[in-house]
Every structure is written in structure tokens, then in C-alpha cells.
Amino acid sequence: MRSHTCCSIYDKGPLALHALRKAVGDESWNRLIKQWTQDNAGGNQGMTDFQNFVEKAFGQQLDELFTAWFDGTVIQ
């Protein structure tokens, strides 16, 4: 039986992005990802940059979601 404790970004990363997509909706997610990749092509951005971009795009703080899914060590 597999533990729910996250061992690597390979386990949790895709699930975290899926949780974000579910939180903002598919249409908004598609616009968000397209804009993020266009704005940052060839660049090097960090997680804080991504969170700030998402929050600005949606006009709301998403600290709880980012803390749980991106900073935490347990799969929600």
C-alpha cells in the first residue's frame, strides 16, 4: 500500500497543478497557462513568481491552496 506522504515532486507536482486547475476552472486554466508560458519563454521563474502571477490573474489570494499543494509534503 502506497503512503500518502509525498516523496518527490514527480508524485505531487502534477497533482498540485491539477488542484489549481480545478480551483480556477478549465477555461481560466487554459488562458493562465498559455499566458504564463508566453510571458516567461526562455526565462527562469520560481514558485513565488508563479503564485504571484496566478493570484494577480484571478484577483484573489490563493495562499491556502499553494501552501497545501505546493509547499506541503502530504498529498491532499
N, C-alpha and C. Protein backbone atom coordinates (compact mmCIF):
# COMPACT_ATOMS: atom_id res chain seq x y z
N MET A 1 0.83 -1.18 0.00
CA MET A 1 0.00 0.00 0.00
C MET A 1 0.87 1.24 0.00
N ARG A 2 0.57 2.17 -0.85
CA ARG A 2 1.37 3.37 -1.00
C ARG A 2 1.01 4.41 0.05
N SER A 3 2.03 5.01 0.63
CA SER A 3 1.83 6.06 1.62
C SER A 3 1.34 7.33 0.93
N HIS A 4 0.59 8.14 1.64
CA HIS A 4 0.13 9.41 1.11
C HIS A 4 1.14 10.53 1.34
N THR A 5 2.26 10.20 1.96
CA THR A 5 3.30 11.20 2.14
C THR A 5 4.05 11.35 0.83
N CYS A 6 4.20 12.57 0.41
CA CYS A 6 4.84 12.85 -0.87
C CYS A 6 6.34 12.62 -0.77
N CYS A 7 6.86 11.86 -1.69
CA CYS A 7 8.29 11.54 -1.69
C CYS A 7 9.08 12.42 -2.65
N SER A 8 8.46 12.87 -3.70
CA SER A 8 9.18 13.67 -4.68
C SER A 8 8.23 14.57 -5.44
N ILE A 9 8.79 15.53 -6.13
CA ILE A 9 7.99 16.42 -6.95
C ILE A 9 7.30 15.66 -8.07
N TYR A 10 7.86 14.53 -8.46
CA TYR A 10 7.27 13.74 -9.54
C TYR A 10 5.92 13.17 -9.13
N ASP A 11 5.74 12.90 -7.84
CA ASP A 11 4.47 12.41 -7.35
C ASP A 11 3.46 13.54 -7.18
N LYS A 12 3.89 14.64 -6.62
CA LYS A 12 2.97 15.68 -6.19
C LYS A 12 2.79 16.80 -7.21
N GLY A 13 3.78 17.11 -8.00
CA GLY A 13 3.71 18.24 -8.93
C GLY A 13 2.49 18.22 -9.84
N PRO A 14 2.27 17.12 -10.56
CA PRO A 14 1.10 17.07 -11.45
C PRO A 14 -0.22 17.17 -10.68
N LEU A 15 -0.27 16.59 -9.49
CA LEU A 15 -1.50 16.67 -8.69
C LEU A 15 -1.73 18.09 -8.19
N ALA A 16 -0.67 18.79 -7.85
CA ALA A 16 -0.79 20.18 -7.40
C ALA A 16 -1.31 21.06 -8.53
N LEU A 17 -0.79 20.89 -9.71
CA LEU A 17 -1.27 21.67 -10.85
C LEU A 17 -2.72 21.32 -11.18
N HIS A 18 -3.09 20.07 -11.04
CA HIS A 18 -4.47 19.65 -11.26
C HIS A 18 -5.40 20.31 -10.23
N ALA A 19 -4.97 20.37 -8.98
CA ALA A 19 -5.76 21.02 -7.93
C ALA A 19 -5.95 22.50 -8.25
N LEU A 20 -4.92 23.14 -8.73
CA LEU A 20 -5.03 24.55 -9.12
C LEU A 20 -5.99 24.70 -10.28
N ARG A 21 -5.89 23.82 -11.27
CA ARG A 21 -6.80 23.86 -12.42
C ARG A 21 -8.25 23.70 -11.97
N LYS A 22 -8.50 22.78 -11.06
CA LYS A 22 -9.86 22.58 -10.55
C LYS A 22 -10.34 23.81 -9.78
N ALA A 23 -9.44 24.48 -9.10
CA ALA A 23 -9.81 25.67 -8.32
C ALA A 23 -10.20 26.85 -9.21
N VAL A 24 -9.53 26.99 -10.36
CA VAL A 24 -9.78 28.16 -11.22
C VAL A 24 -10.69 27.84 -12.40
N GLY A 25 -10.89 26.56 -12.70
CA GLY A 25 -11.73 26.16 -13.83
C GLY A 25 -10.91 25.95 -15.09
N ASP A 26 -11.40 25.07 -15.95
CA ASP A 26 -10.65 24.68 -17.15
C ASP A 26 -10.39 25.84 -18.11
N GLU A 27 -11.38 26.64 -18.37
CA GLU A 27 -11.20 27.75 -19.32
C GLU A 27 -10.17 28.76 -18.81
N SER A 28 -10.29 29.11 -17.54
CA SER A 28 -9.33 30.05 -16.95
C SER A 28 -7.94 29.44 -16.89
N TRP A 29 -7.88 28.15 -16.57
CA TRP A 29 -6.59 27.45 -16.52
C TRP A 29 -5.88 27.50 -17.87
N ASN A 30 -6.62 27.23 -18.93
CA ASN A 30 -6.02 27.24 -20.26
C ASN A 30 -5.47 28.62 -20.61
N ARG A 31 -6.21 29.67 -20.29
CA ARG A 31 -5.71 31.04 -20.53
C ARG A 31 -4.48 31.33 -19.67
N LEU A 32 -4.55 30.92 -18.41
CA LEU A 32 -3.47 31.16 -17.47
C LEU A 32 -2.17 30.53 -17.93
N ILE A 33 -2.22 29.25 -18.27
CA ILE A 33 -1.01 28.54 -18.67
C ILE A 33 -0.45 29.09 -19.98
N LYS A 34 -1.32 29.42 -20.91
CA LYS A 34 -0.87 30.00 -22.17
C LYS A 34 -0.15 31.32 -21.91
N GLN A 35 -0.73 32.16 -21.07
CA GLN A 35 -0.12 33.47 -20.78
C GLN A 35 1.19 33.30 -20.02
N TRP A 36 1.21 32.40 -19.04
CA TRP A 36 2.43 32.17 -18.26
C TRP A 36 3.59 31.73 -19.15
N THR A 37 3.32 30.79 -20.05
CA THR A 37 4.40 30.31 -20.91
C THR A 37 4.84 31.37 -21.92
N GLN A 38 3.90 32.18 -22.40
CA GLN A 38 4.27 33.26 -23.32
C GLN A 38 5.12 34.31 -22.60
N ASP A 39 4.69 34.69 -21.41
CA ASP A 39 5.39 35.73 -20.66
C ASP A 39 6.78 35.29 -20.19
N ASN A 40 6.97 34.00 -20.01
CA ASN A 40 8.20 33.52 -19.39
C ASN A 40 9.04 32.62 -20.29
N ALA A 41 8.74 32.59 -21.57
CA ALA A 41 9.51 31.77 -22.51
C ALA A 41 10.98 32.17 -22.45
N GLY A 42 11.82 31.18 -22.29
CA GLY A 42 13.26 31.43 -22.25
C GLY A 42 13.75 32.00 -20.94
N GLY A 43 12.85 32.19 -19.99
CA GLY A 43 13.23 32.76 -18.70
C GLY A 43 13.33 31.71 -17.61
N ASN A 44 13.58 32.17 -16.43
CA ASN A 44 13.71 31.30 -15.27
C ASN A 44 12.92 31.92 -14.13
N GLN A 45 11.77 31.35 -13.82
CA GLN A 45 10.91 31.88 -12.76
C GLN A 45 10.79 30.86 -11.64
N GLY A 46 10.50 31.35 -10.47
CA GLY A 46 10.35 30.48 -9.31
C GLY A 46 8.89 30.31 -8.92
N MET A 47 8.69 29.52 -7.88
CA MET A 47 7.34 29.23 -7.41
C MET A 47 6.63 30.49 -6.93
N THR A 48 7.33 31.37 -6.26
CA THR A 48 6.72 32.62 -5.79
C THR A 48 6.26 33.46 -6.98
N ASP A 49 7.04 33.49 -8.03
CA ASP A 49 6.65 34.21 -9.25
C ASP A 49 5.38 33.63 -9.83
N PHE A 50 5.29 32.30 -9.86
CA PHE A 50 4.11 31.64 -10.40
C PHE A 50 2.88 31.94 -9.54
N GLN A 51 3.04 31.86 -8.23
CA GLN A 51 1.91 32.15 -7.34
C GLN A 51 1.45 33.60 -7.51
N ASN A 52 2.38 34.53 -7.56
CA ASN A 52 2.02 35.94 -7.75
C ASN A 52 1.29 36.15 -9.08
N PHE A 53 1.74 35.49 -10.11
CA PHE A 53 1.10 35.58 -11.43
C PHE A 53 -0.34 35.06 -11.37
N VAL A 54 -0.52 33.90 -10.76
CA VAL A 54 -1.86 33.29 -10.65
C VAL A 54 -2.78 34.18 -9.84
N GLU A 55 -2.31 34.66 -8.71
CA GLU A 55 -3.14 35.50 -7.85
C GLU A 55 -3.50 36.81 -8.52
N LYS A 56 -2.57 37.39 -9.24
CA LYS A 56 -2.87 38.63 -9.97
C LYS A 56 -3.91 38.37 -11.06
N ALA A 57 -3.77 37.25 -11.76
CA ALA A 57 -4.69 36.92 -12.85
C ALA A 57 -6.12 36.72 -12.33
N PHE A 58 -6.26 36.21 -11.12
CA PHE A 58 -7.59 35.92 -10.58
C PHE A 58 -8.05 36.91 -9.52
N GLY A 59 -7.19 37.85 -9.17
CA GLY A 59 -7.58 38.88 -8.23
C GLY A 59 -7.91 38.37 -6.84
N GLN A 60 -7.28 37.29 -6.46
CA GLN A 60 -7.53 36.75 -5.12
C GLN A 60 -6.29 36.03 -4.60
N GLN A 61 -6.19 36.01 -3.28
CA GLN A 61 -5.09 35.30 -2.64
C GLN A 61 -5.38 33.80 -2.66
N LEU A 62 -4.38 33.03 -2.98
CA LEU A 62 -4.52 31.57 -3.01
C LEU A 62 -3.49 30.92 -2.10
N ASP A 63 -3.17 31.62 -1.00
CA ASP A 63 -2.15 31.12 -0.08
C ASP A 63 -2.46 29.72 0.44
N GLU A 64 -3.71 29.49 0.80
CA GLU A 64 -4.08 28.20 1.38
C GLU A 64 -3.84 27.07 0.37
N LEU A 65 -4.25 27.28 -0.87
CA LEU A 65 -4.06 26.26 -1.90
C LEU A 65 -2.57 26.04 -2.17
N PHE A 66 -1.82 27.12 -2.32
CA PHE A 66 -0.39 26.98 -2.61
C PHE A 66 0.36 26.36 -1.44
N THR A 67 0.00 26.74 -0.22
CA THR A 67 0.67 26.16 0.94
C THR A 67 0.39 24.66 1.03
N ALA A 68 -0.86 24.29 0.84
CA ALA A 68 -1.23 22.88 0.95
C ALA A 68 -0.63 22.04 -0.17
N TRP A 69 -0.73 22.52 -1.40
CA TRP A 69 -0.35 21.70 -2.54
C TRP A 69 1.09 21.88 -3.01
N PHE A 70 1.61 23.08 -2.91
CA PHE A 70 2.95 23.32 -3.45
C PHE A 70 4.04 23.35 -2.38
N ASP A 71 3.69 23.75 -1.17
CA ASP A 71 4.69 23.84 -0.11
C ASP A 71 4.66 22.66 0.85
N GLY A 72 3.51 22.03 0.98
CA GLY A 72 3.35 20.93 1.92
C GLY A 72 4.02 19.65 1.43
N THR A 73 4.07 18.68 2.32
CA THR A 73 4.71 17.41 1.98
C THR A 73 3.72 16.25 1.88
N VAL A 74 2.45 16.52 2.12
CA VAL A 74 1.43 15.48 2.08
C VAL A 74 0.52 15.72 0.89
N ILE A 75 0.16 14.65 0.19
CA ILE A 75 -0.79 14.77 -0.92
C ILE A 75 -2.17 14.94 -0.31
N GLN A 76 -2.85 16.02 -0.69
CA GLN A 76 -4.15 16.36 -0.10
C GLN A 76 -5.22 15.43 -0.55
